[in-house]
Amino acid sequence: MTEELQEIGDILEITLPLRYGCVMDLGRIGIIADTHSNNALMLKAIHTLESVGVERIIHLGDICDSLRPEALDEAVEILKAHGVLSVLGNNEYSILLDCQTPRLNIETLAYLRELPYTITMGGLCFTHSAPFTWPAATRRPIAEYLPFMGVLQNRILFRGHSHYPEVLEIAGDESREIPIGTERALWLDREKTYIITVGAVENGSFALFDTRAYTIQFVILSS
């Protein structure tokens, strides 16, 4: 699948072909977020997703903790080695903004500078907090952006930042929380729009989305 890159300021937004109004068959997608320099946990989550045969894995940002940038070099190597796509989190933005970059190697610094705010593919959008291409969108609560969700041309928004799994069904200006669990997959309605917070790997939580079955399953890492 060919990637089309659209430059937005100094940061790129990655867009893969989509069909508005439906979600394309992209197989099973592993979604992780908020690893916060816990590289061992991140690798465990990646291995878990790989073991069930996901087609791709996406990291929703906050790969690192801005107070522990020394862990970034290893984290980036892990993501690259496993072909994990990632978006910009508020901690990565803070590292770039606060001039902590001399502590990173050149390859890691280049990786951070190229992270997009969002990745969209096949009717899905992946971002750290809110799906907009400005820094505040990486750190502000999603509740502040709910009035704007109706203009998005995506069926599902996947996000991190809040650290706890949540599924919101969006209908116009209103939203409704859908009860979730970790024991079984949650079936979604293809005609509805959702905002899904996947939880934090730091807390042992991540998610698996099956575009064919149209289900989301929240996974808890075993100790």
C-alpha atoms as a PDB file:
ATOM      1  CA  MET A   1       0.000   0.000   0.000  1.00  0.00           C
ATOM      2  CA  THR A   2       1.507   3.304  -1.078  1.00  0.00           C
ATOM      3  CA  GLU A   3       1.863   5.994   1.546  1.00  0.00           C
ATOM      4  CA  GLU A   4       1.036   9.581   0.699  1.00  0.00           C
ATOM      5  CA  LEU A   5       2.837  12.104   2.857  1.00  0.00           C
ATOM      6  CA  GLN A   6       1.351  15.525   3.387  1.00  0.00           C
ATOM      7  CA  GLU A   7       3.615  18.092   5.019  1.00  0.00           C
ATOM      8  CA  ILE A   8       2.111  20.174   7.813  1.00  0.00           C
ATOM      9  CA  GLY A   9       4.667  22.621   9.159  1.00  0.00           C
ATOM     10  CA  ASP A  10       7.661  20.661  10.368  1.00  0.00           C
ATOM     11  CA  ILE A  11       5.629  17.534  11.051  1.00  0.00           C
ATOM     12  CA  LEU A  12       4.090  15.086   8.628  1.00  0.00           C
ATOM     13  CA  GLU A  13       0.616  13.634   8.642  1.00  0.00           C
ATOM     14  CA  ILE A  14       0.648  10.096   7.259  1.00  0.00           C
ATOM     15  CA  THR A  15      -2.364   9.238   5.129  1.00  0.00           C
ATOM     16  CA  LEU A  16      -3.100   5.870   3.582  1.00  0.00           C
ATOM     17  CA  PRO A  17      -5.922   5.430   1.048  1.00  0.00           C
ATOM     18  CA  LEU A  18      -9.371   5.475   2.668  1.00  0.00           C
ATOM     19  CA  ARG A  19     -12.944   5.048   1.647  1.00  0.00           C
ATOM     20  CA  TYR A  20     -15.138   7.608   3.406  1.00  0.00           C
ATOM     21  CA  GLY A  21     -18.109   6.142   5.218  1.00  0.00           C
ATOM     22  CA  CYS A  22     -16.686   2.669   5.759  1.00  0.00           C
ATOM     23  CA  VAL A  23     -13.613   0.925   7.098  1.00  0.00           C
ATOM     24  CA  MET A  24     -11.414  -0.932   4.649  1.00  0.00           C
ATOM     25  CA  ASP A  25     -10.230  -4.474   5.283  1.00  0.00           C
ATOM     26  CA  LEU A  26      -6.872  -3.957   6.972  1.00  0.00           C
ATOM     27  CA  GLY A  27      -6.867  -7.224   8.878  1.00  0.00           C
ATOM     28  CA  ARG A  28      -6.041  -7.092  12.572  1.00  0.00           C
ATOM     29  CA  ILE A  29      -4.301  -4.044  13.998  1.00  0.00           C
ATOM     30  CA  GLY A  30      -2.451  -4.026  17.304  1.00  0.00           C
ATOM     31  CA  ILE A  31      -2.631  -0.676  19.087  1.00  0.00           C
ATOM     32  CA  ILE A  32      -0.354   0.348  21.942  1.00  0.00           C
ATOM     33  CA  ALA A  33       0.145   3.677  23.690  1.00  0.00           C
ATOM     34  CA  ASP A  34       1.786   5.482  26.587  1.00  0.00           C
ATOM     35  CA  THR A  35       4.734   3.208  27.234  1.00  0.00           C
ATOM     36  CA  HIS A  36       6.539   6.079  29.007  1.00  0.00           C
ATOM     37  CA  SER A  37      10.047   4.608  28.750  1.00  0.00           C
ATOM     38  CA  ASN A  38       8.928   1.184  30.002  1.00  0.00           C
ATOM     39  CA  ASN A  39      10.714  -0.538  27.148  1.00  0.00           C
ATOM     40  CA  ALA A  40      10.467  -4.049  28.560  1.00  0.00           C
ATOM     41  CA  LEU A  41       6.680  -3.749  28.851  1.00  0.00           C
ATOM     42  CA  MET A  42       6.466  -2.250  25.374  1.00  0.00           C
ATOM     43  CA  LEU A  43       8.415  -5.148  23.904  1.00  0.00           C
ATOM     44  CA  LYS A  44       6.198  -7.625  25.755  1.00  0.00           C
ATOM     45  CA  ALA A  45       3.076  -5.983  24.313  1.00  0.00           C
ATOM     46  CA  ILE A  46       4.572  -6.079  20.813  1.00  0.00           C
ATOM     47  CA  HIS A  47       5.482  -9.760  21.159  1.00  0.00           C
ATOM     48  CA  THR A  48       1.980 -10.531  22.418  1.00  0.00           C
ATOM     49  CA  LEU A  49       0.391  -8.859  19.387  1.00  0.00           C
ATOM     50  CA  GLU A  50       2.817 -10.490  16.983  1.00  0.00           C
ATOM     51  CA  SER A  51       2.009 -13.896  18.474  1.00  0.00           C
ATOM     52  CA  VAL A  52      -1.650 -13.563  17.420  1.00  0.00           C
ATOM     53  CA  GLY A  53      -0.732 -12.558  13.879  1.00  0.00           C
ATOM     54  CA  VAL A  54      -1.596  -8.873  13.614  1.00  0.00           C
ATOM     55  CA  GLU A  55      -0.941  -7.273  10.228  1.00  0.00           C
ATOM     56  CA  ARG A  56       0.440  -4.083  11.759  1.00  0.00           C
ATOM     57  CA  ILE A  57       1.085  -2.397  15.096  1.00  0.00           C
ATOM     58  CA  ILE A  58       0.599   1.302  15.800  1.00  0.00           C
ATOM     59  CA  HIS A  59       1.940   3.204  18.813  1.00  0.00           C
ATOM     60  CA  LEU A  60      -0.231   6.157  19.840  1.00  0.00           C
ATOM     61  CA  GLY A  61       2.549   8.241  21.348  1.00  0.00           C
ATOM     62  CA  ASP A  62       4.293   8.923  24.644  1.00  0.00           C
ATOM     63  CA  ILE A  63       6.879   6.340  23.725  1.00  0.00           C
ATOM     64  CA  CYS A  64       9.030   7.903  26.402  1.00  0.00           C
ATOM     65  CA  ASP A  65       8.777   9.962  29.529  1.00  0.00           C
ATOM     66  CA  SER A  66      10.225  13.443  29.046  1.00  0.00           C
ATOM     67  CA  LEU A  67      12.009  13.039  32.401  1.00  0.00           C
ATOM     68  CA  ARG A  68      13.699   9.850  31.150  1.00  0.00           C
ATOM     69  CA  PRO A  69      14.846  10.650  27.603  1.00  0.00           C
ATOM     70  CA  GLU A  70      17.807   8.311  27.990  1.00  0.00           C
ATOM     71  CA  ALA A  71      15.447   5.382  27.363  1.00  0.00           C
ATOM     72  CA  LEU A  72      14.416   6.721  23.962  1.00  0.00           C
ATOM     73  CA  ASP A  73      17.317   5.345  21.941  1.00  0.00           C
ATOM     74  CA  GLU A  74      16.427   1.779  22.924  1.00  0.00           C
ATOM     75  CA  ALA A  75      12.685   2.411  22.493  1.00  0.00           C
ATOM     76  CA  VAL A  76      13.094   3.686  18.949  1.00  0.00           C
ATOM     77  CA  GLU A  77      15.280   0.729  18.042  1.00  0.00           C
ATOM     78  CA  ILE A  78      12.547  -1.629  19.278  1.00  0.00           C
ATOM     79  CA  LEU A  79       9.853   0.150  17.263  1.00  0.00           C
ATOM     80  CA  LYS A  80      11.970   0.141  14.114  1.00  0.00           C
ATOM     81  CA  ALA A  81      12.955  -3.507  14.500  1.00  0.00           C
ATOM     82  CA  HIS A  82       9.310  -4.554  14.706  1.00  0.00           C
ATOM     83  CA  GLY A  83       7.985  -2.200  12.035  1.00  0.00           C
ATOM     84  CA  VAL A  84       5.738  -0.313  14.463  1.00  0.00           C
ATOM     85  CA  LEU A  85       4.237   2.945  13.201  1.00  0.00           C
ATOM     86  CA  SER A  86       3.945   5.761  15.730  1.00  0.00           C
ATOM     87  CA  VAL A  87       2.475   9.220  16.237  1.00  0.00           C
ATOM     88  CA  LEU A  88       3.749  12.175  18.232  1.00  0.00           C
ATOM     89  CA  GLY A  89       2.897  12.227  21.941  1.00  0.00           C
ATOM     90  CA  ASN A  90       3.114  15.184  24.298  1.00  0.00           C
ATOM     91  CA  ASN A  91       6.252  13.734  25.899  1.00  0.00           C
ATOM     92  CA  GLU A  92       8.056  13.475  22.557  1.00  0.00           C
ATOM     93  CA  TYR A  93       6.979  17.033  21.776  1.00  0.00           C
ATOM     94  CA  SER A  94       8.293  18.202  25.158  1.00  0.00           C
ATOM     95  CA  ILE A  95      11.670  16.610  24.514  1.00  0.00           C
ATOM     96  CA  LEU A  96      11.972  18.396  21.171  1.00  0.00           C
ATOM     97  CA  LEU A  97      10.725  21.692  22.619  1.00  0.00           C
ATOM     98  CA  ASP A  98      12.808  21.656  25.809  1.00  0.00           C
ATOM     99  CA  CYS A  99      16.100  21.122  24.012  1.00  0.00           C
ATOM    100  CA  GLN A 100      16.794  17.728  25.557  1.00  0.00           C
ATOM    101  CA  THR A 101      17.823  16.454  22.155  1.00  0.00           C
ATOM    102  CA  PRO A 102      21.625  16.609  22.761  1.00  0.00           C
ATOM    103  CA  ARG A 103      21.132  13.529  24.979  1.00  0.00           C
ATOM    104  CA  LEU A 104      19.831  11.509  22.019  1.00  0.00           C
ATOM    105  CA  ASN A 105      21.667   9.988  19.119  1.00  0.00           C
ATOM    106  CA  ILE A 106      21.185  11.419  15.649  1.00  0.00           C
ATOM    107  CA  GLU A 107      18.936   8.593  14.431  1.00  0.00           C
ATOM    108  CA  THR A 108      16.607   8.906  17.428  1.00  0.00           C
ATOM    109  CA  LEU A 109      16.371  12.660  17.003  1.00  0.00           C
ATOM    110  CA  ALA A 110      15.498  12.284  13.321  1.00  0.00           C
ATOM    111  CA  TYR A 111      12.822   9.734  14.229  1.00  0.00           C
ATOM    112  CA  LEU A 112      11.188  12.106  16.729  1.00  0.00           C
ATOM    113  CA  ARG A 113      11.175  15.008  14.296  1.00  0.00           C
ATOM    114  CA  GLU A 114       9.409  12.918  11.667  1.00  0.00           C
ATOM    115  CA  LEU A 115       6.622  11.616  13.912  1.00  0.00           C
ATOM    116  CA  PRO A 116       3.192  12.682  12.619  1.00  0.00           C
ATOM    117  CA  TYR A 117       0.353  14.015  14.737  1.00  0.00           C
ATOM    118  CA  THR A 118      -2.037  11.548  13.121  1.00  0.00           C
ATOM    119  CA  ILE A 119      -2.106   8.442  10.968  1.00  0.00           C
ATOM    120  CA  THR A 120      -5.248   7.769   8.942  1.00  0.00           C
ATOM    121  CA  MET A 121      -5.940   4.596   7.008  1.00  0.00           C
ATOM    122  CA  GLY A 122      -9.048   3.017   5.596  1.00  0.00           C
ATOM    123  CA  GLY A 123     -11.558   5.103   7.564  1.00  0.00           C
ATOM    124  CA  LEU A 124      -9.567   4.902  10.814  1.00  0.00           C
ATOM    125  CA  CYS A 125      -7.627   7.657  12.557  1.00  0.00           C
ATOM    126  CA  PHE A 126      -4.840   7.138  15.092  1.00  0.00           C
ATOM    127  CA  THR A 127      -3.548   9.953  17.295  1.00  0.00           C
ATOM    128  CA  HIS A 128      -2.232  10.633  20.789  1.00  0.00           C
ATOM    129  CA  SER A 129      -5.137  12.653  22.210  1.00  0.00           C
ATOM    130  CA  ALA A 130      -7.144  14.700  19.696  1.00  0.00           C
ATOM    131  CA  PRO A 131      -6.814  14.285  15.913  1.00  0.00           C
ATOM    132  CA  PHE A 132      -5.576  17.752  15.041  1.00  0.00           C
ATOM    133  CA  THR A 133      -2.212  18.937  13.798  1.00  0.00           C
ATOM    134  CA  TRP A 134      -1.150  21.318  16.527  1.00  0.00           C
ATOM    135  CA  PRO A 135       0.815  20.650  19.752  1.00  0.00           C
ATOM    136  CA  ALA A 136      -2.030  21.302  22.203  1.00  0.00           C
ATOM    137  CA  ALA A 137      -3.950  18.420  20.629  1.00  0.00           C
ATOM    138  CA  THR A 138      -1.335  16.008  22.011  1.00  0.00           C
ATOM    139  CA  ARG A 139      -2.011  16.899  25.636  1.00  0.00           C
ATOM    140  CA  ARG A 140      -5.512  18.357  26.109  1.00  0.00           C
ATOM    141  CA  PRO A 141      -8.427  16.120  27.252  1.00  0.00           C
ATOM    142  CA  ILE A 142     -10.529  14.627  24.473  1.00  0.00           C
ATOM    143  CA  ALA A 143     -13.658  16.119  26.099  1.00  0.00           C
ATOM    144  CA  GLU A 144     -12.557  19.559  24.914  1.00  0.00           C
ATOM    145  CA  TYR A 145     -12.633  18.373  21.303  1.00  0.00           C
ATOM    146  CA  LEU A 146     -15.876  16.368  21.321  1.00  0.00           C
ATOM    147  CA  PRO A 147     -17.852  19.242  19.718  1.00  0.00           C
ATOM    148  CA  PHE A 148     -15.556  18.974  16.670  1.00  0.00           C
ATOM    149  CA  MET A 149     -15.686  15.199  16.262  1.00  0.00           C
ATOM    150  CA  GLY A 150     -18.666  15.341  13.912  1.00  0.00           C
ATOM    151  CA  VAL A 151     -16.576  16.916  11.145  1.00  0.00           C
ATOM    152  CA  LEU A 152     -14.053  14.078  11.052  1.00  0.00           C
ATOM    153  CA  GLN A 153     -14.161  11.818   8.022  1.00  0.00           C
ATOM    154  CA  ASN A 154     -13.283   8.676   9.952  1.00  0.00           C
ATOM    155  CA  ARG A 155     -15.450   5.967  11.469  1.00  0.00           C
ATOM    156  CA  ILE A 156     -13.169   5.348  14.432  1.00  0.00           C
ATOM    157  CA  LEU A 157     -10.644   7.496  16.257  1.00  0.00           C
ATOM    158  CA  PHE A 158      -8.089   5.537  18.273  1.00  0.00           C
ATOM    159  CA  ARG A 159      -6.245   7.514  20.934  1.00  0.00           C
ATOM    160  CA  GLY A 160      -4.038   7.183  24.006  1.00  0.00           C
ATOM    161  CA  HIS A 161      -3.082   9.836  26.580  1.00  0.00           C
ATOM    162  CA  SER A 162      -5.870   9.102  29.094  1.00  0.00           C
ATOM    163  CA  HIS A 163      -4.275   5.771  30.170  1.00  0.00           C
ATOM    164  CA  TYR A 164      -7.573   3.954  30.811  1.00  0.00           C
ATOM    165  CA  PRO A 165      -9.552   2.037  28.151  1.00  0.00           C
ATOM    166  CA  GLU A 166     -12.787   3.636  27.034  1.00  0.00           C
ATOM    167  CA  VAL A 167     -15.205   3.393  24.106  1.00  0.00           C
ATOM    168  CA  LEU A 168     -17.358   6.408  23.238  1.00  0.00           C
ATOM    169  CA  GLU A 169     -20.116   6.197  20.636  1.00  0.00           C
ATOM    170  CA  ILE A 170     -20.502   9.557  18.878  1.00  0.00           C
ATOM    171  CA  ALA A 171     -23.833  10.746  17.489  1.00  0.00           C
ATOM    172  CA  GLY A 172     -23.777  14.351  16.325  1.00  0.00           C
ATOM    173  CA  ASP A 173     -22.962  16.552  19.301  1.00  0.00           C
ATOM    174  CA  GLU A 174     -23.614  13.796  21.816  1.00  0.00           C
ATOM    175  CA  SER A 175     -21.517  10.888  23.066  1.00  0.00           C
ATOM    176  CA  ARG A 176     -22.329   7.717  24.966  1.00  0.00           C
ATOM    177  CA  GLU A 177     -19.883   5.491  26.844  1.00  0.00           C
ATOM    178  CA  ILE A 178     -20.078   1.824  25.902  1.00  0.00           C
ATOM    179  CA  PRO A 179     -19.399  -0.734  28.687  1.00  0.00           C
ATOM    180  CA  ILE A 180     -16.215  -2.684  28.019  1.00  0.00           C
ATOM    181  CA  GLY A 181     -14.321  -5.633  29.445  1.00  0.00           C
ATOM    182  CA  THR A 182     -11.121  -7.558  28.817  1.00  0.00           C
ATOM    183  CA  GLU A 183     -12.482 -11.101  28.640  1.00  0.00           C
ATOM    184  CA  ARG A 184     -14.044 -10.890  25.186  1.00  0.00           C
ATOM    185  CA  ALA A 185     -14.088  -8.729  22.083  1.00  0.00           C
ATOM    186  CA  LEU A 186     -16.586  -5.895  21.812  1.00  0.00           C
ATOM    187  CA  TRP A 187     -18.617  -5.866  18.592  1.00  0.00           C
ATOM    188  CA  LEU A 188     -18.954  -2.424  17.003  1.00  0.00           C
ATOM    189  CA  ASP A 189     -21.638  -1.108  14.653  1.00  0.00           C
ATOM    190  CA  ARG A 190     -20.227  -0.338  11.200  1.00  0.00           C
ATOM    191  CA  GLU A 191     -22.743   2.480  10.759  1.00  0.00           C
ATOM    192  CA  LYS A 192     -21.659   4.350  13.891  1.00  0.00           C
ATOM    193  CA  THR A 193     -18.713   6.526  14.863  1.00  0.00           C
ATOM    194  CA  TYR A 194     -16.487   5.808  17.857  1.00  0.00           C
ATOM    195  CA  ILE A 195     -13.661   7.286  19.895  1.00  0.00           C
ATOM    196  CA  ILE A 196     -11.621   4.485  21.457  1.00  0.00           C
ATOM    197  CA  THR A 197      -9.001   5.082  24.142  1.00  0.00           C
ATOM    198  CA  VAL A 198      -6.768   2.014  24.222  1.00  0.00           C
ATOM    199  CA  GLY A 199      -5.227   2.389  27.667  1.00  0.00           C
ATOM    200  CA  ALA A 200      -1.549   2.596  28.597  1.00  0.00           C
ATOM    201  CA  VAL A 201       1.073  -0.116  28.207  1.00  0.00           C
ATOM    202  CA  GLU A 202       2.596   1.489  31.314  1.00  0.00           C
ATOM    203  CA  ASN A 203      -0.485   0.129  33.119  1.00  0.00           C
ATOM    204  CA  GLY A 204      -0.376  -3.176  31.247  1.00  0.00           C
ATOM    205  CA  SER A 205      -3.185  -2.309  28.813  1.00  0.00           C
ATOM    206  CA  PHE A 206      -3.378  -2.230  25.002  1.00  0.00           C
ATOM    207  CA  ALA A 207      -5.842  -3.206  22.279  1.00  0.00           C
ATOM    208  CA  LEU A 208      -6.481  -5.360  19.228  1.00  0.00           C
ATOM    209  CA  PHE A 209      -8.842  -4.144  16.494  1.00  0.00           C
ATOM    210  CA  ASP A 210     -10.127  -6.591  13.882  1.00  0.00           C
ATOM    211  CA  THR A 211     -11.325  -4.701  10.786  1.00  0.00           C
ATOM    212  CA  ARG A 212     -12.969  -7.833   9.346  1.00  0.00           C
ATOM    213  CA  ALA A 213     -14.962  -8.883  12.408  1.00  0.00           C
ATOM    214  CA  TYR A 214     -15.260  -5.208  13.411  1.00  0.00           C
ATOM    215  CA  THR A 215     -14.365  -5.891  17.014  1.00  0.00           C
ATOM    216  CA  ILE A 216     -12.144  -4.235  19.582  1.00  0.00           C
ATOM    217  CA  GLN A 217     -10.529  -6.268  22.335  1.00  0.00           C
ATOM    218  CA  PHE A 218      -8.684  -4.758  25.263  1.00  0.00           C
ATOM    219  CA  VAL A 219      -5.734  -6.810  26.433  1.00  0.00           C
ATOM    220  CA  ILE A 220      -4.118  -6.856  29.887  1.00  0.00           C
ATOM    221  CA  LEU A 221      -0.503  -7.957  30.080  1.00  0.00           C
ATOM    222  CA  SER A 222       0.044 -10.844  32.461  1.00  0.00           C
ATOM    223  CA  SER A 223       2.585 -10.229  35.195  1.00  0.00           C
END
